[in-house]
Amino acid sequence: EKDNSIINEVQKEILTFSDPRINRSIATDKMD
């Protein structure tokens, strides 16, 4: 998995750190 996102810190705060798209500690599922 690789995060290629282009986003600054102020914009990240708007999404909140419970958003798994910007919070790397919230892992994607290992299976689909």
PDB file of all heavy atoms in Angstrom:
ATOM      1  N   GLU A   1       0.845  -1.189   0.000  1.00  0.00           N
ATOM      2  CA  GLU A   1       0.000   0.000   0.000  1.00  0.00           C
ATOM      3  C   GLU A   1       0.882   1.241   0.000  1.00  0.00           C
ATOM      4  O   GLU A   1       1.914   1.280   0.659  1.00  0.00           O
ATOM      5  CB  GLU A   1      -0.905  -0.020   1.225  1.00  0.00           C
ATOM      6  CG  GLU A   1      -1.898   1.103   1.299  1.00  0.00           C
ATOM      7  CD  GLU A   1      -2.847   0.929   2.486  1.00  0.00           C
ATOM      8  OE1 GLU A   1      -2.783  -0.127   3.154  1.00  0.00           O
ATOM      9  OE2 GLU A   1      -3.639   1.853   2.739  1.00  0.00           O
ATOM     10  N   LYS A   2       0.469   2.263  -0.745  1.00  0.00           N
ATOM     11  CA  LYS A   2       1.242   3.493  -0.811  1.00  0.00           C
ATOM     12  C   LYS A   2       0.302   4.689  -0.858  1.00  0.00           C
ATOM     13  O   LYS A   2      -0.656   4.712  -1.625  1.00  0.00           O
ATOM     14  CB  LYS A   2       2.147   3.494  -2.055  1.00  0.00           C
ATOM     15  CG  LYS A   2       3.039   4.721  -2.162  1.00  0.00           C
ATOM     16  CD  LYS A   2       3.915   4.669  -3.404  1.00  0.00           C
ATOM     17  CE  LYS A   2       4.805   5.902  -3.520  1.00  0.00           C
ATOM     18  NZ  LYS A   2       5.638   5.881  -4.744  1.00  0.00           N
ATOM     19  N   ASP A   3       0.590   5.684  -0.013  1.00  0.00           N
ATOM     20  CA  ASP A   3      -0.199   6.912   0.019  1.00  0.00           C
ATOM     21  C   ASP A   3       0.479   7.964  -0.857  1.00  0.00           C
ATOM     22  O   ASP A   3       1.613   8.361  -0.603  1.00  0.00           O
ATOM     23  CB  ASP A   3      -0.330   7.402   1.461  1.00  0.00           C
ATOM     24  CG  ASP A   3      -1.228   8.622   1.583  1.00  0.00           C
ATOM     25  OD1 ASP A   3      -1.855   8.990   0.572  1.00  0.00           O
ATOM     26  OD2 ASP A   3      -1.294   9.212   2.668  1.00  0.00           O
ATOM     27  N   ASN A   4      -0.229   8.408  -1.903  1.00  0.00           N
ATOM     28  CA  ASN A   4       0.312   9.407  -2.830  1.00  0.00           C
ATOM     29  C   ASN A   4      -0.414  10.752  -2.698  1.00  0.00           C
ATOM     30  O   ASN A   4      -0.356  11.584  -3.602  1.00  0.00           O
ATOM     31  CB  ASN A   4       0.170   8.912  -4.274  1.00  0.00           C
ATOM     32  CG  ASN A   4       0.637   7.486  -4.452  1.00  0.00           C
ATOM     33  OD1 ASN A   4       1.786   7.176  -4.213  1.00  0.00           O
ATOM     34  ND2 ASN A   4      -0.260   6.615  -4.868  1.00  0.00           N
ATOM     35  N   SER A   5      -1.106  10.961  -1.583  1.00  0.00           N
ATOM     36  CA  SER A   5      -1.979  12.123  -1.442  1.00  0.00           C
ATOM     37  C   SER A   5      -1.207  13.440  -1.442  1.00  0.00           C
ATOM     38  O   SER A   5      -0.077  13.525  -0.943  1.00  0.00           O
ATOM     39  CB  SER A   5      -2.787  12.017  -0.140  1.00  0.00           C
ATOM     40  OG  SER A   5      -3.626  10.882  -0.165  1.00  0.00           O
ATOM     41  N   ILE A   6      -1.845  14.460  -2.025  1.00  0.00           N
ATOM     42  CA  ILE A   6      -1.314  15.827  -2.018  1.00  0.00           C
ATOM     43  C   ILE A   6      -2.259  16.663  -1.172  1.00  0.00           C
ATOM     44  O   ILE A   6      -3.352  17.041  -1.623  1.00  0.00           O
ATOM     45  CB  ILE A   6      -1.219  16.386  -3.441  1.00  0.00           C
ATOM     46  CG1 ILE A   6      -0.330  15.493  -4.313  1.00  0.00           C
ATOM     47  CG2 ILE A   6      -0.686  17.808  -3.430  1.00  0.00           C
ATOM     48  CD1 ILE A   6      -0.320  15.889  -5.784  1.00  0.00           C
ATOM     49  N   ILE A   7      -1.866  16.940   0.082  1.00  0.00           N
ATOM     50  CA  ILE A   7      -2.736  17.642   1.013  1.00  0.00           C
ATOM     51  C   ILE A   7      -1.884  18.275   2.105  1.00  0.00           C
ATOM     52  O   ILE A   7      -0.903  17.676   2.570  1.00  0.00           O
ATOM     53  CB  ILE A   7      -3.792  16.673   1.618  1.00  0.00           C
ATOM     54  CG1 ILE A   7      -4.776  17.418   2.510  1.00  0.00           C
ATOM     55  CG2 ILE A   7      -3.133  15.510   2.334  1.00  0.00           C
ATOM     56  CD1 ILE A   7      -5.959  16.576   2.927  1.00  0.00           C
ATOM     57  N   ASN A   8      -2.219  19.496   2.519  1.00  0.00           N
ATOM     58  CA  ASN A   8      -1.430  20.159   3.567  1.00  0.00           C
ATOM     59  C   ASN A   8      -2.054  19.934   4.947  1.00  0.00           C
ATOM     60  O   ASN A   8      -3.147  19.359   5.063  1.00  0.00           O
ATOM     61  CB  ASN A   8      -1.255  21.653   3.269  1.00  0.00           C
ATOM     62  CG  ASN A   8      -2.577  22.409   3.225  1.00  0.00           C
ATOM     63  OD1 ASN A   8      -3.474  22.180   4.036  1.00  0.00           O
ATOM     64  ND2 ASN A   8      -2.705  23.319   2.268  1.00  0.00           N
ATOM     65  N   GLU A   9      -1.389  20.393   5.988  1.00  0.00           N
ATOM     66  CA  GLU A   9      -1.810  20.116   7.365  1.00  0.00           C
ATOM     67  C   GLU A   9      -3.146  20.785   7.705  1.00  0.00           C
ATOM     68  O   GLU A   9      -3.970  20.223   8.425  1.00  0.00           O
ATOM     69  CB  GLU A   9      -0.728  20.559   8.348  1.00  0.00           C
ATOM     70  CG  GLU A   9       0.558  19.754   8.247  1.00  0.00           C
ATOM     71  CD  GLU A   9       0.339  18.276   8.471  1.00  0.00           C
ATOM     72  OE1 GLU A   9      -0.446  17.918   9.391  1.00  0.00           O
ATOM     73  OE2 GLU A   9       0.927  17.466   7.727  1.00  0.00           O
ATOM     74  N   VAL A  10      -3.357  22.009   7.201  1.00  0.00           N
ATOM     75  CA  VAL A  10      -4.623  22.708   7.477  1.00  0.00           C
ATOM     76  C   VAL A  10      -5.794  21.942   6.864  1.00  0.00           C
ATOM     77  O   VAL A  10      -6.853  21.782   7.480  1.00  0.00           O
ATOM     78  CB  VAL A  10      -4.572  24.146   6.921  1.00  0.00           C
ATOM     79  CG1 VAL A  10      -5.932  24.826   7.074  1.00  0.00           C
ATOM     80  CG2 VAL A  10      -3.487  24.951   7.624  1.00  0.00           C
ATOM     81  N   GLN A  11      -5.607  21.437   5.651  1.00  0.00           N
ATOM     82  CA  GLN A  11      -6.661  20.666   4.995  1.00  0.00           C
ATOM     83  C   GLN A  11      -6.901  19.337   5.709  1.00  0.00           C
ATOM     84  O   GLN A  11      -8.043  18.870   5.803  1.00  0.00           O
ATOM     85  CB  GLN A  11      -6.285  20.442   3.533  1.00  0.00           C
ATOM     86  CG  GLN A  11      -6.285  21.737   2.717  1.00  0.00           C
ATOM     87  CD  GLN A  11      -5.509  21.623   1.424  1.00  0.00           C
ATOM     88  OE1 GLN A  11      -4.652  20.742   1.271  1.00  0.00           O
ATOM     89  NE2 GLN A  11      -5.791  22.514   0.480  1.00  0.00           N
ATOM     90  N   LYS A  12      -5.853  18.725   6.229  1.00  0.00           N
ATOM     91  CA  LYS A  12      -6.009  17.485   6.989  1.00  0.00           C
ATOM     92  C   LYS A  12      -6.874  17.698   8.219  1.00  0.00           C
ATOM     93  O   LYS A  12      -7.689  16.848   8.589  1.00  0.00           O
ATOM     94  CB  LYS A  12      -4.642  16.942   7.401  1.00  0.00           C
ATOM     95  CG  LYS A  12      -3.869  16.262   6.298  1.00  0.00           C
ATOM     96  CD  LYS A  12      -2.570  15.679   6.837  1.00  0.00           C
ATOM     97  CE  LYS A  12      -1.782  14.972   5.748  1.00  0.00           C
ATOM     98  NZ  LYS A  12      -0.508  14.396   6.266  1.00  0.00           N
ATOM     99  N   GLU A  13      -6.721  18.837   8.878  1.00  0.00           N
ATOM    100  CA  GLU A  13      -7.501  19.120  10.072  1.00  0.00           C
ATOM    101  C   GLU A  13      -8.990  19.228   9.760  1.00  0.00           C
ATOM    102  O   GLU A  13      -9.833  18.869  10.584  1.00  0.00           O
ATOM    103  CB  GLU A  13      -7.008  20.413  10.723  1.00  0.00           C
ATOM    104  CG  GLU A  13      -5.625  20.284  11.357  1.00  0.00           C
ATOM    105  CD  GLU A  13      -5.144  21.601  11.943  1.00  0.00           C
ATOM    106  OE1 GLU A  13      -5.943  22.565  11.945  1.00  0.00           O
ATOM    107  OE2 GLU A  13      -3.987  21.664  12.389  1.00  0.00           O
ATOM    108  N   ILE A  14      -9.320  19.701   8.569  1.00  0.00           N
ATOM    109  CA  ILE A  14     -10.723  19.781   8.169  1.00  0.00           C
ATOM    110  C   ILE A  14     -11.329  18.381   8.042  1.00  0.00           C
ATOM    111  O   ILE A  14     -12.457  18.123   8.449  1.00  0.00           O
ATOM    112  CB  ILE A  14     -10.863  20.547   6.836  1.00  0.00           C
ATOM    113  CG1 ILE A  14     -10.567  22.024   7.055  1.00  0.00           C
ATOM    114  CG2 ILE A  14     -12.247  20.371   6.236  1.00  0.00           C
ATOM    115  CD1 ILE A  14     -11.572  22.733   7.941  1.00  0.00           C
ATOM    116  N   LEU A  15     -10.572  17.451   7.470  1.00  0.00           N
ATOM    117  CA  LEU A  15     -11.069  16.085   7.309  1.00  0.00           C
ATOM    118  C   LEU A  15     -11.141  15.345   8.637  1.00  0.00           C
ATOM    119  O   LEU A  15     -11.866  14.356   8.747  1.00  0.00           O
ATOM    120  CB  LEU A  15     -10.174  15.317   6.325  1.00  0.00           C
ATOM    121  CG  LEU A  15     -10.159  15.839   4.883  1.00  0.00           C
ATOM    122  CD1 LEU A  15      -9.234  14.990   4.022  1.00  0.00           C
ATOM    123  CD2 LEU A  15     -11.547  15.864   4.283  1.00  0.00           C
ATOM    124  N   THR A  16     -10.406  15.782   9.624  1.00  0.00           N
ATOM    125  CA  THR A  16     -10.270  15.201  10.972  1.00  0.00           C
ATOM    126  C   THR A  16      -9.435  13.925  10.911  1.00  0.00           C
ATOM    127  O   THR A  16      -9.447  13.199   9.900  1.00  0.00           O
ATOM    128  CB  THR A  16     -11.613  14.891  11.657  1.00  0.00           C
ATOM    129  OG1 THR A  16     -12.090  13.639  11.235  1.00  0.00           O
ATOM    130  CG2 THR A  16     -12.636  15.973  11.449  1.00  0.00           C
ATOM    131  N   PHE A  17      -8.780  13.622  12.008  1.00  0.00           N
ATOM    132  CA  PHE A  17      -7.870  12.481  12.039  1.00  0.00           C
ATOM    133  C   PHE A  17      -8.580  11.151  12.271  1.00  0.00           C
ATOM    134  O   PHE A  17      -7.948  10.120  12.404  1.00  0.00           O
ATOM    135  CB  PHE A  17      -6.776  12.712  13.082  1.00  0.00           C
ATOM    136  CG  PHE A  17      -5.755  13.716  12.619  1.00  0.00           C
ATOM    137  CD1 PHE A  17      -5.799  15.023  13.069  1.00  0.00           C
ATOM    138  CD2 PHE A  17      -4.785  13.367  11.700  1.00  0.00           C
ATOM    139  CE1 PHE A  17      -4.879  15.959  12.622  1.00  0.00           C
ATOM    140  CE2 PHE A  17      -3.859  14.296  11.246  1.00  0.00           C
ATOM    141  CZ  PHE A  17      -3.902  15.603  11.706  1.00  0.00           C
ATOM    142  N   SER A  18      -9.924  11.179  12.314  1.00  0.00           N
ATOM    143  CA  SER A  18     -10.661   9.915  12.310  1.00  0.00           C
ATOM    144  C   SER A  18     -10.943   9.446  10.886  1.00  0.00           C
ATOM    145  O   SER A  18     -11.496   8.374  10.681  1.00  0.00           O
ATOM    146  CB  SER A  18     -11.977  10.069  13.074  1.00  0.00           C
ATOM    147  OG  SER A  18     -12.772  11.080  12.482  1.00  0.00           O
ATOM    148  N   ASP A  19     -10.545  10.262   9.910  1.00  0.00           N
ATOM    149  CA  ASP A  19     -10.727   9.913   8.504  1.00  0.00           C
ATOM    150  C   ASP A  19      -9.599   8.973   8.089  1.00  0.00           C
ATOM    151  O   ASP A  19      -8.424   9.354   8.065  1.00  0.00           O
ATOM    152  CB  ASP A  19     -10.698  11.183   7.656  1.00  0.00           C
ATOM    153  CG  ASP A  19     -11.087  10.926   6.201  1.00  0.00           C
ATOM    154  OD1 ASP A  19     -10.916   9.786   5.730  1.00  0.00           O
ATOM    155  OD2 ASP A  19     -11.558  11.872   5.557  1.00  0.00           O
ATOM    156  N   PRO A  20      -9.919   7.718   7.717  1.00  0.00           N
ATOM    157  CA  PRO A  20      -8.858   6.761   7.366  1.00  0.00           C
ATOM    158  C   PRO A  20      -8.098   7.122   6.101  1.00  0.00           C
ATOM    159  O   PRO A  20      -7.018   6.592   5.863  1.00  0.00           O
ATOM    160  CB  PRO A  20      -9.622   5.439   7.197  1.00  0.00           C
ATOM    161  CG  PRO A  20     -11.008   5.840   6.869  1.00  0.00           C
ATOM    162  CD  PRO A  20     -11.254   7.109   7.620  1.00  0.00           C
ATOM    163  N   ARG A  21      -8.623   8.023   5.294  1.00  0.00           N
ATOM    164  CA  ARG A  21      -7.911   8.415   4.076  1.00  0.00           C
ATOM    165  C   ARG A  21      -6.647   9.215   4.388  1.00  0.00           C
ATOM    166  O   ARG A  21      -5.720   9.250   3.573  1.00  0.00           O
ATOM    167  CB  ARG A  21      -8.835   9.226   3.174  1.00  0.00           C
ATOM    168  CG  ARG A  21     -10.026   8.444   2.644  1.00  0.00           C
ATOM    169  CD  ARG A  21     -10.984   9.360   1.908  1.00  0.00           C
ATOM    170  NE  ARG A  21     -11.500  10.402   2.771  1.00  0.00           N
ATOM    171  CZ  ARG A  21     -12.246  11.428   2.368  1.00  0.00           C
ATOM    172  NH1 ARG A  21     -12.549  11.540   1.086  1.00  0.00           N
ATOM    173  NH2 ARG A  21     -12.680  12.335   3.214  1.00  0.00           N
ATOM    174  N   ILE A  22      -6.605   9.864   5.545  1.00  0.00           N
ATOM    175  CA  ILE A  22      -5.422  10.649   5.907  1.00  0.00           C
ATOM    176  C   ILE A  22      -4.744  10.145   7.177  1.00  0.00           C
ATOM    177  O   ILE A  22      -3.610  10.524   7.465  1.00  0.00           O
ATOM    178  CB  ILE A  22      -5.776  12.140   6.080  1.00  0.00           C
ATOM    179  CG1 ILE A  22      -6.774  12.319   7.223  1.00  0.00           C
ATOM    180  CG2 ILE A  22      -6.317  12.720   4.786  1.00  0.00           C
ATOM    181  CD1 ILE A  22      -6.989  13.757   7.609  1.00  0.00           C
ATOM    182  N   ASN A  23      -5.436   9.287   7.921  1.00  0.00           N
ATOM    183  CA  ASN A  23      -4.857   8.736   9.144  1.00  0.00           C
ATOM    184  C   ASN A  23      -4.256   7.368   8.832  1.00  0.00           C
ATOM    185  O   ASN A  23      -4.973   6.382   8.657  1.00  0.00           O
ATOM    186  CB  ASN A  23      -5.927   8.611  10.227  1.00  0.00           C
ATOM    187  CG  ASN A  23      -5.342   8.239  11.581  1.00  0.00           C
ATOM    188  OD1 ASN A  23      -4.243   7.696  11.663  1.00  0.00           O
ATOM    189  ND2 ASN A  23      -6.069   8.525  12.642  1.00  0.00           N
ATOM    190  N   ARG A  24      -2.953   7.292   8.766  1.00  0.00           N
ATOM    191  CA  ARG A  24      -2.294   6.047   8.360  1.00  0.00           C
ATOM    192  C   ARG A  24      -2.390   4.949   9.413  1.00  0.00           C
ATOM    193  O   ARG A  24      -2.130   3.785   9.114  1.00  0.00           O
ATOM    194  CB  ARG A  24      -0.821   6.336   8.050  1.00  0.00           C
ATOM    195  CG  ARG A  24      -0.646   7.251   6.841  1.00  0.00           C
ATOM    196  CD  ARG A  24       0.818   7.454   6.513  1.00  0.00           C
ATOM    197  NE  ARG A  24       1.008   8.332   5.357  1.00  0.00           N
ATOM    198  CZ  ARG A  24       2.185   8.652   4.876  1.00  0.00           C
ATOM    199  NH1 ARG A  24       3.292   8.178   5.430  1.00  0.00           N
ATOM    200  NH2 ARG A  24       2.273   9.460   3.821  1.00  0.00           N
ATOM    201  N   SER A  25      -2.749   5.302  10.650  1.00  0.00           N
ATOM    202  CA  SER A  25      -2.884   4.278  11.687  1.00  0.00           C
ATOM    203  C   SER A  25      -4.167   3.460  11.518  1.00  0.00           C
ATOM    204  O   SER A  25      -4.326   2.404  12.130  1.00  0.00           O
ATOM    205  CB  SER A  25      -2.864   4.925  13.078  1.00  0.00           C
ATOM    206  OG  SER A  25      -4.001   5.741  13.268  1.00  0.00           O
ATOM    207  N   ILE A  26      -5.091   3.965  10.702  1.00  0.00           N
ATOM    208  CA  ILE A  26      -6.314   3.207  10.398  1.00  0.00           C
ATOM    209  C   ILE A  26      -6.054   2.423   9.125  1.00  0.00           C
ATOM    210  O   ILE A  26      -6.092   2.955   8.013  1.00  0.00           O
ATOM    211  CB  ILE A  26      -7.529   4.144  10.226  1.00  0.00           C
ATOM    212  CG1 ILE A  26      -7.716   5.010  11.468  1.00  0.00           C
ATOM    213  CG2 ILE A  26      -8.793   3.332   9.955  1.00  0.00           C
ATOM    214  CD1 ILE A  26      -8.824   6.036  11.342  1.00  0.00           C
ATOM    215  N   ALA A  27      -5.764   1.163   9.281  1.00  0.00           N
ATOM    216  CA  ALA A  27      -5.290   0.349   8.159  1.00  0.00           C
ATOM    217  C   ALA A  27      -6.437  -0.111   7.264  1.00  0.00           C
ATOM    218  O   ALA A  27      -7.575  -0.310   7.719  1.00  0.00           O
ATOM    219  CB  ALA A  27      -4.531  -0.864   8.685  1.00  0.00           C
ATOM    220  N   THR A  28      -6.142  -0.265   5.995  1.00  0.00           N
ATOM    221  CA  THR A  28      -7.092  -0.893   5.082  1.00  0.00           C
ATOM    222  C   THR A  28      -7.127  -2.390   5.372  1.00  0.00           C
ATOM    223  O   THR A  28      -6.174  -2.975   5.876  1.00  0.00           O
ATOM    224  CB  THR A  28      -6.664  -0.672   3.621  1.00  0.00           C
ATOM    225  OG1 THR A  28      -5.300  -1.104   3.471  1.00  0.00           O
ATOM    226  CG2 THR A  28      -6.749   0.791   3.248  1.00  0.00           C
ATOM    227  N   ASP A  29      -8.257  -3.013   5.050  1.00  0.00           N
ATOM    228  CA  ASP A  29      -8.417  -4.439   5.308  1.00  0.00           C
ATOM    229  C   ASP A  29      -7.431  -5.241   4.466  1.00  0.00           C
ATOM    230  O   ASP A  29      -7.140  -4.894   3.322  1.00  0.00           O
ATOM    231  CB  ASP A  29      -9.848  -4.866   4.999  1.00  0.00           C
ATOM    232  CG  ASP A  29     -10.250  -6.116   5.765  1.00  0.00           C
ATOM    233  OD1 ASP A  29      -9.552  -7.145   5.614  1.00  0.00           O
ATOM    234  OD2 ASP A  29     -11.236  -6.074   6.506  1.00  0.00           O
ATOM    235  N   LYS A  30      -6.941  -6.321   5.040  1.00  0.00           N
ATOM    236  CA  LYS A  30      -5.954  -7.152   4.349  1.00  0.00           C
ATOM    237  C   LYS A  30      -6.562  -8.018   3.253  1.00  0.00           C
ATOM    238  O   LYS A  30      -5.835  -8.563   2.416  1.00  0.00           O
ATOM    239  CB  LYS A  30      -5.220  -8.039   5.357  1.00  0.00           C
ATOM    240  CG  LYS A  30      -4.369  -7.253   6.348  1.00  0.00           C
ATOM    241  CD  LYS A  30      -3.650  -8.190   7.302  1.00  0.00           C
ATOM    242  CE  LYS A  30      -2.781  -7.397   8.275  1.00  0.00           C
ATOM    243  NZ  LYS A  30      -2.069  -8.278   9.232  1.00  0.00           N
ATOM    244  N   MET A  31      -7.898  -8.153   3.271  1.00  0.00           N
ATOM    245  CA  MET A  31      -8.566  -8.984   2.269  1.00  0.00           C
ATOM    246  C   MET A  31      -9.726  -8.218   1.651  1.00  0.00           C
ATOM    247  O   MET A  31     -10.287  -7.306   2.266  1.00  0.00           O
ATOM    248  CB  MET A  31      -9.085 -10.284   2.906  1.00  0.00           C
ATOM    249  CG  MET A  31      -8.010 -11.230   3.385  1.00  0.00           C
ATOM    250  SD  MET A  31      -8.735 -12.726   4.112  1.00  0.00           S
ATOM    251  CE  MET A  31      -9.632 -13.380   2.702  1.00  0.00           C
ATOM    252  N   ASP A  32     -10.043  -8.606   0.438  1.00  0.00           N
ATOM    253  CA  ASP A  32     -11.216  -8.055  -0.226  1.00  0.00           C
ATOM    254  C   ASP A  32     -11.946  -9.214  -0.906  1.00  0.00           C
ATOM    255  O   ASP A  32     -11.329 -10.207  -1.304  1.00  0.00           O
ATOM    256  CB  ASP A  32     -10.816  -6.993  -1.258  1.00  0.00           C
ATOM    257  CG  ASP A  32     -12.004  -6.179  -1.750  1.00  0.00           C
ATOM    258  OD1 ASP A  32     -13.056  -6.215  -1.085  1.00  0.00           O
ATOM    259  OD2 ASP A  32     -11.881  -5.509  -2.785  1.00  0.00           O
TER     260      ASP A  32
END
